[in-house]
């Protein structure tokens, strides 16, 4: 049985104990993302300039324009693929750093993050394949029902759409620990990772759902403050423009550090939930609260 209180006490303990290590991991990947964005900007400008320079040739030779378009598409696809690898690696690295089952080793966490990124691609493909299979099957059932009666098809389609929501919530609970399964348990085979996540969450869906609801409420409290200030400024600014501008600035300034803290807390929560559903390790959890 999952102890929800222990999940959150472990989350806050790991956030407190490894705060600066988590900040460091976040900063490394943030710097990589900034560098990647600069590369994208430069690459886009270079290709755009080349396209303008060859425009006269392209008008006479349509194949030139086609070649430039294909080149741009390939460049964008490669860039966003690499960017996605960095994002996935960041999540894996931060969960590894926040896990009570791992020692707080900075280099090892970053390395584990990059090592986990490609398996996540395989997992994403598996989950997308399952999703499209489910949707296709539902569409086929509705289509067959519509052959007999359009009204019956519409009613069945609406009913299946309503039923799809709890199914997606259920699947989300079963796969909520996929990141730590790959990064912490080091299950790098996508199919094996999906099977392990399914196995360790068996019989624990309701407790996982409750933990996720509490996490959502905490997330709203963390991120709600700057949004409250920004939206409050809209009404304040009607009578006191200077005060409204000040609230907007304060909300933006608060949003940045709170978003960073939220990202770290999300990693700590995921790591703590994984520790709980897998049985953790009593000796490790004793060290957390020592």
Protein backbone atom coordinates (compact mmCIF):
# COMPACT_ATOMS: atom_id res chain seq x y z
CA UNK A 1 0.00 0.00 0.00
CA UNK A 2 1.29 3.44 -0.89
CA UNK A 3 1.77 5.83 2.03
CA UNK A 4 0.86 9.19 0.45
CA UNK A 5 2.15 11.14 3.42
CA UNK A 6 5.53 9.44 3.10
CA UNK A 7 5.63 10.24 -0.62
CA UNK A 8 5.38 13.95 0.09
CA UNK A 9 7.60 13.93 3.17
CA UNK A 10 10.26 12.19 1.08
CA UNK A 11 9.70 14.67 -1.77
CA UNK A 12 10.23 17.68 0.48
CA UNK A 13 13.17 16.02 2.25
CA UNK A 14 14.97 15.33 -1.04
CA UNK A 15 14.18 18.82 -2.34
CA UNK A 16 15.66 20.32 0.83
CA UNK A 17 18.72 18.05 1.04
CA UNK A 18 19.66 18.19 -2.66
CA UNK A 19 18.40 21.65 -3.51
CA UNK A 20 21.65 23.05 -4.89
CA UNK A 21 22.55 19.87 -6.74
CA UNK A 22 19.15 20.01 -8.43
CA UNK A 23 19.69 23.67 -9.27
CA UNK A 24 23.01 22.73 -10.82
CA UNK A 25 21.48 19.96 -12.95
CA UNK A 26 18.70 22.29 -14.08
CA UNK A 27 21.24 25.02 -14.92
CA UNK A 28 23.39 22.67 -17.03
CA UNK A 29 20.48 21.59 -19.20
CA UNK A 30 19.05 25.11 -19.33
CA UNK A 31 22.39 26.34 -20.69
CA UNK A 32 22.32 23.55 -23.29
CA UNK A 33 18.79 24.56 -24.29
CA UNK A 34 19.84 28.22 -24.64
CA UNK A 35 22.82 27.19 -26.78
CA UNK A 36 20.52 25.02 -28.91
CA UNK A 37 18.12 27.94 -29.38
CA UNK A 38 21.00 30.15 -30.51
CA UNK A 39 22.08 27.47 -32.99
CA UNK A 40 18.50 27.29 -34.30
CA UNK A 41 18.37 31.06 -34.71
CA UNK A 42 21.70 31.23 -36.53
CA UNK A 43 20.84 28.23 -38.71
CA UNK A 44 17.47 29.71 -39.64
CA UNK A 45 19.04 33.07 -40.51
CA UNK A 46 21.76 31.43 -42.62
CA UNK A 47 19.28 29.28 -44.50
CA UNK A 48 16.93 32.22 -44.93
CA UNK A 49 19.73 34.39 -46.30
CA UNK A 50 20.77 31.60 -48.65
CA UNK A 51 17.17 31.24 -49.81
CA UNK A 52 16.89 34.97 -50.55
CA UNK A 53 20.24 34.98 -52.35
CA UNK A 54 19.18 32.09 -54.57
CA UNK A 55 15.66 33.40 -55.15
CA UNK A 56 16.43 34.56 -58.68
CA UNK A 57 17.86 31.15 -59.51
CA UNK A 58 14.90 29.47 -57.88
CA UNK A 59 12.43 31.32 -60.05
CA UNK A 60 14.16 29.90 -63.09
CA UNK A 61 14.79 26.51 -61.49
CA UNK A 62 11.89 25.31 -59.25
CA UNK A 63 14.07 22.38 -58.13
CA UNK A 64 16.28 24.86 -56.26
CA UNK A 65 13.35 26.07 -54.16
CA UNK A 66 12.30 22.48 -53.51
CA UNK A 67 15.84 21.63 -52.40
CA UNK A 68 15.95 24.60 -50.02
CA UNK A 69 12.56 23.65 -48.54
CA UNK A 70 13.62 20.05 -47.99
CA UNK A 71 16.89 21.21 -46.44
CA UNK A 72 15.04 23.53 -44.04
CA UNK A 73 12.59 20.77 -43.06
CA UNK A 74 15.45 18.34 -42.38
CA UNK A 75 17.30 20.99 -40.36
CA UNK A 76 14.22 21.78 -38.24
CA UNK A 77 13.45 18.09 -37.69
CA UNK A 78 17.02 17.36 -36.57
CA UNK A 79 17.06 20.39 -34.30
CA UNK A 80 13.78 19.66 -32.57
CA UNK A 81 14.73 15.99 -32.27
CA UNK A 82 17.97 16.99 -30.53
CA UNK A 83 16.09 19.53 -28.38
CA UNK A 84 13.64 16.84 -27.29
CA UNK A 85 16.59 14.62 -26.33
CA UNK A 86 17.89 17.41 -24.09
CA UNK A 87 14.47 17.92 -22.45
CA UNK A 88 14.05 14.19 -21.77
CA UNK A 89 17.63 13.95 -20.52
CA UNK A 90 17.00 16.84 -18.14
CA UNK A 91 13.96 15.13 -16.63
CA UNK A 92 15.82 11.85 -16.22
CA UNK A 93 18.86 13.55 -14.69
CA UNK A 94 16.81 15.56 -12.20
CA UNK A 95 14.76 12.53 -11.14
CA UNK A 96 18.00 10.59 -10.65
CA UNK A 97 19.46 13.40 -8.55
CA UNK A 98 16.25 13.64 -6.47
CA UNK A 99 15.84 9.91 -5.93
CA UNK A 100 16.32 8.62 -2.35
CA UNK A 101 17.56 5.40 -3.94
CA UNK A 102 20.56 7.17 -5.50
CA UNK A 103 23.60 8.91 -4.09
CA UNK A 104 23.70 12.65 -4.96
CA UNK A 105 26.42 12.43 -7.63
CA UNK A 106 26.20 15.33 -10.10
CA UNK A 107 28.17 13.81 -12.98
CA UNK A 108 26.43 10.46 -12.68
CA UNK A 109 22.99 12.11 -12.75
CA UNK A 110 23.78 14.11 -15.91
CA UNK A 111 25.27 11.03 -17.58
CA UNK A 112 22.26 8.92 -16.62
CA UNK A 113 20.01 11.62 -18.07
CA UNK A 114 21.59 11.48 -21.51
CA UNK A 115 21.72 7.69 -21.38
CA UNK A 116 17.97 7.58 -20.69
CA UNK A 117 16.88 9.97 -23.45
CA UNK A 118 16.90 7.56 -26.39
CA UNK A 119 14.96 4.82 -24.53
CA UNK A 120 12.30 7.46 -23.88
CA UNK A 121 11.92 7.85 -27.65
CA UNK A 122 11.19 4.14 -27.90
CA UNK A 123 8.72 4.34 -25.02
CA UNK A 124 6.98 7.33 -26.63
CA UNK A 125 6.61 5.39 -29.87
CA UNK A 126 5.17 2.38 -28.01
CA UNK A 127 2.66 4.53 -26.14
CA UNK A 128 1.68 6.41 -29.30
CA UNK A 129 1.18 3.12 -31.11
CA UNK A 130 -1.04 1.87 -28.30
CA UNK A 131 -3.00 5.13 -28.28
CA UNK A 132 -3.62 5.12 -32.03
CA UNK A 133 -4.58 1.45 -31.92
CA UNK A 134 -7.16 2.21 -29.22
CA UNK A 135 -8.55 5.25 -31.06
CA UNK A 136 -8.67 3.34 -34.36
CA UNK A 137 -10.55 0.47 -32.72
CA UNK A 138 -13.05 2.91 -31.20
CA UNK A 139 -13.51 4.67 -34.55
CA UNK A 140 -14.12 1.31 -36.22
CA UNK A 141 -16.77 0.36 -33.66
CA UNK A 142 -18.51 3.72 -34.07
CA UNK A 143 -18.33 3.43 -37.86
CA UNK A 144 -19.95 -0.01 -37.79
CA UNK A 145 -22.69 1.24 -35.48
CA UNK A 146 -23.30 4.23 -37.79
CA UNK A 147 -23.97 1.89 -40.71
CA UNK A 148 -27.13 0.75 -38.97
CA UNK A 149 -28.20 4.10 -37.57
CA UNK A 150 -26.53 7.52 -37.55
CA UNK A 151 -28.15 8.30 -34.19
CA UNK A 152 -26.84 5.06 -32.69
CA UNK A 153 -23.37 5.82 -34.03
CA UNK A 154 -23.42 9.31 -32.52
CA UNK A 155 -24.63 8.00 -29.16
CA UNK A 156 -21.99 5.27 -29.12
CA UNK A 157 -19.27 7.73 -30.16
CA UNK A 158 -20.20 10.10 -27.34
CA UNK A 159 -20.28 7.27 -24.81
CA UNK A 160 -16.87 5.97 -25.88
CA UNK A 161 -15.41 9.50 -25.71
CA UNK A 162 -16.68 9.82 -22.13
CA UNK A 163 -15.25 6.41 -21.25
CA UNK A 164 -11.89 7.31 -22.83
CA UNK A 165 -11.16 9.95 -20.16
CA UNK A 166 -11.02 7.55 -17.17
CA UNK A 167 -9.09 5.06 -19.30
CA UNK A 168 -6.45 7.70 -20.03
CA UNK A 169 -6.30 8.64 -16.33
CA UNK A 170 -5.87 4.97 -15.44
CA UNK A 171 -3.07 4.52 -17.96
CA UNK A 172 -1.43 7.72 -16.75
CA UNK A 173 -1.34 6.30 -13.22
CA UNK A 174 0.12 3.01 -14.45
CA UNK A 175 2.91 4.77 -16.37
CA UNK A 176 3.59 7.67 -14.00
CA UNK A 177 6.93 6.20 -12.87
CA UNK A 178 8.32 5.47 -16.35
CA UNK A 179 11.04 8.13 -16.05
CA UNK A 180 12.56 6.77 -12.81
CA UNK A 181 12.09 3.19 -14.03
CA UNK A 182 14.43 4.04 -16.90
CA UNK A 183 16.75 6.50 -15.15
CA UNK A 184 16.95 5.06 -11.61
CA UNK A 185 16.24 1.36 -12.20
CA UNK A 186 18.25 1.63 -15.44
CA UNK A 187 15.75 -0.39 -17.49
CA UNK A 188 16.82 0.92 -20.89
CA UNK A 189 14.79 -1.52 -23.00
CA UNK A 190 11.57 0.41 -23.83
CA UNK A 191 9.31 -2.65 -23.74
CA UNK A 192 10.85 -3.89 -20.49
CA UNK A 193 10.45 -0.40 -18.95
CA UNK A 194 6.76 -0.31 -19.85
CA UNK A 195 6.27 -3.80 -18.39
CA UNK A 196 8.08 -2.85 -15.17
CA UNK A 197 6.05 0.34 -14.71
CA UNK A 198 2.88 -1.68 -15.24
CA UNK A 199 4.03 -4.30 -12.72
CA UNK A 200 5.10 -1.97 -9.89
CA UNK A 201 1.86 0.08 -10.06
CA UNK A 202 -0.45 -2.96 -10.03
CA UNK A 203 -3.14 -2.59 -7.36
CA UNK A 204 -1.99 0.95 -6.48
CA UNK A 205 -3.88 3.08 -9.00
CA UNK A 206 -6.26 4.79 -6.57
CA UNK A 207 -3.47 5.75 -4.16
CA UNK A 208 -1.35 7.01 -7.07
CA UNK A 209 -4.31 9.06 -8.32
CA UNK A 210 -4.79 10.60 -4.86
CA UNK A 211 -1.08 11.43 -4.69
CA UNK A 212 -1.28 13.06 -8.13
CA UNK A 213 -4.30 15.12 -7.07
CA UNK A 214 -2.44 16.37 -3.99
CA UNK A 215 0.58 17.12 -6.18
CA UNK A 216 -1.69 19.09 -8.53
CA UNK A 217 -3.04 21.12 -5.61
CA UNK A 218 0.49 21.92 -4.41
CA UNK A 219 1.47 22.85 -7.97
CA UNK A 220 -1.42 25.30 -8.14
CA UNK A 221 -0.29 26.88 -4.88
CA UNK A 222 3.32 27.21 -6.09
CA UNK A 223 2.53 28.60 -9.53
CA UNK A 224 -0.73 30.31 -8.61
CA UNK A 225 0.93 33.21 -6.77
CA UNK A 226 2.58 34.90 -9.79
CA UNK A 227 -0.47 34.28 -11.98
CA UNK A 228 -2.71 35.78 -9.28
CA UNK A 229 -0.50 38.87 -9.19
CA UNK A 230 -0.42 39.22 -12.98
CA UNK A 231 -4.18 38.78 -13.43
CA UNK A 232 -4.88 40.95 -10.39
CA UNK A 233 -2.84 43.70 -12.03
CA UNK A 234 -5.36 43.78 -14.89
CA UNK A 235 -8.06 45.02 -12.52
CA UNK A 236 -5.76 47.16 -10.37
CA UNK A 237 -4.28 48.86 -13.42
CA UNK A 238 -7.64 50.33 -14.41
CA UNK A 239 -7.57 52.73 -11.45
CA UNK A 240 -3.87 52.65 -10.47
CA UNK A 241 -1.75 52.07 -13.59
CA UNK A 242 1.57 52.31 -11.71
CA UNK A 243 0.45 49.73 -9.14
CA UNK A 244 -0.77 47.44 -11.92
CA UNK A 245 2.55 47.65 -13.73
CA UNK A 246 4.36 46.93 -10.47
CA UNK A 247 2.24 43.84 -9.81
CA UNK A 248 2.90 42.53 -13.32
CA UNK A 249 6.65 43.01 -12.86
CA UNK A 250 6.54 41.35 -9.44
CA UNK A 251 4.54 38.44 -10.84
CA UNK A 252 7.05 37.90 -13.66
CA UNK A 253 10.00 38.11 -11.27
CA UNK A 254 8.35 35.59 -8.92
CA UNK A 255 7.36 33.25 -11.74
CA UNK A 256 10.95 32.51 -12.80
CA UNK A 257 12.31 31.21 -9.45
CA UNK A 258 9.01 29.53 -8.58
CA UNK A 259 9.00 27.69 -11.92
CA UNK A 260 12.53 26.43 -11.22
CA UNK A 261 11.49 25.26 -7.75
CA UNK A 262 8.40 23.63 -9.23
CA UNK A 263 10.49 21.70 -11.78
CA UNK A 264 12.73 20.44 -8.99
CA UNK A 265 9.77 19.57 -6.77
CA UNK A 266 8.14 17.66 -9.63
CA UNK A 267 11.34 15.64 -10.05
CA UNK A 268 11.50 14.95 -6.30
CA UNK A 269 7.84 13.91 -6.25
CA UNK A 270 8.28 11.52 -9.18
CA UNK A 271 11.38 10.03 -7.55
CA UNK A 272 9.63 9.64 -4.20
CA UNK A 273 6.56 8.05 -5.78
CA UNK A 274 8.81 5.60 -7.63
CA UNK A 275 10.59 4.75 -4.38
CA UNK A 276 7.24 4.12 -2.70
CA UNK A 277 5.65 1.94 -5.40
CA UNK A 278 8.81 -0.17 -5.79
CA UNK A 279 9.18 -0.76 -2.08
CA UNK A 280 12.04 1.71 -1.90
CA UNK A 281 14.46 0.40 0.60
CA UNK A 282 13.98 0.97 4.28
CA UNK A 283 17.65 1.72 4.86
CA UNK A 284 17.66 4.36 2.12
CA UNK A 285 14.56 6.09 3.48
CA UNK A 286 16.05 6.07 6.98
CA UNK A 287 19.04 7.95 5.56
CA UNK A 288 16.72 10.54 4.01
CA UNK A 289 15.15 11.42 7.33
CA UNK A 290 18.29 10.94 9.43
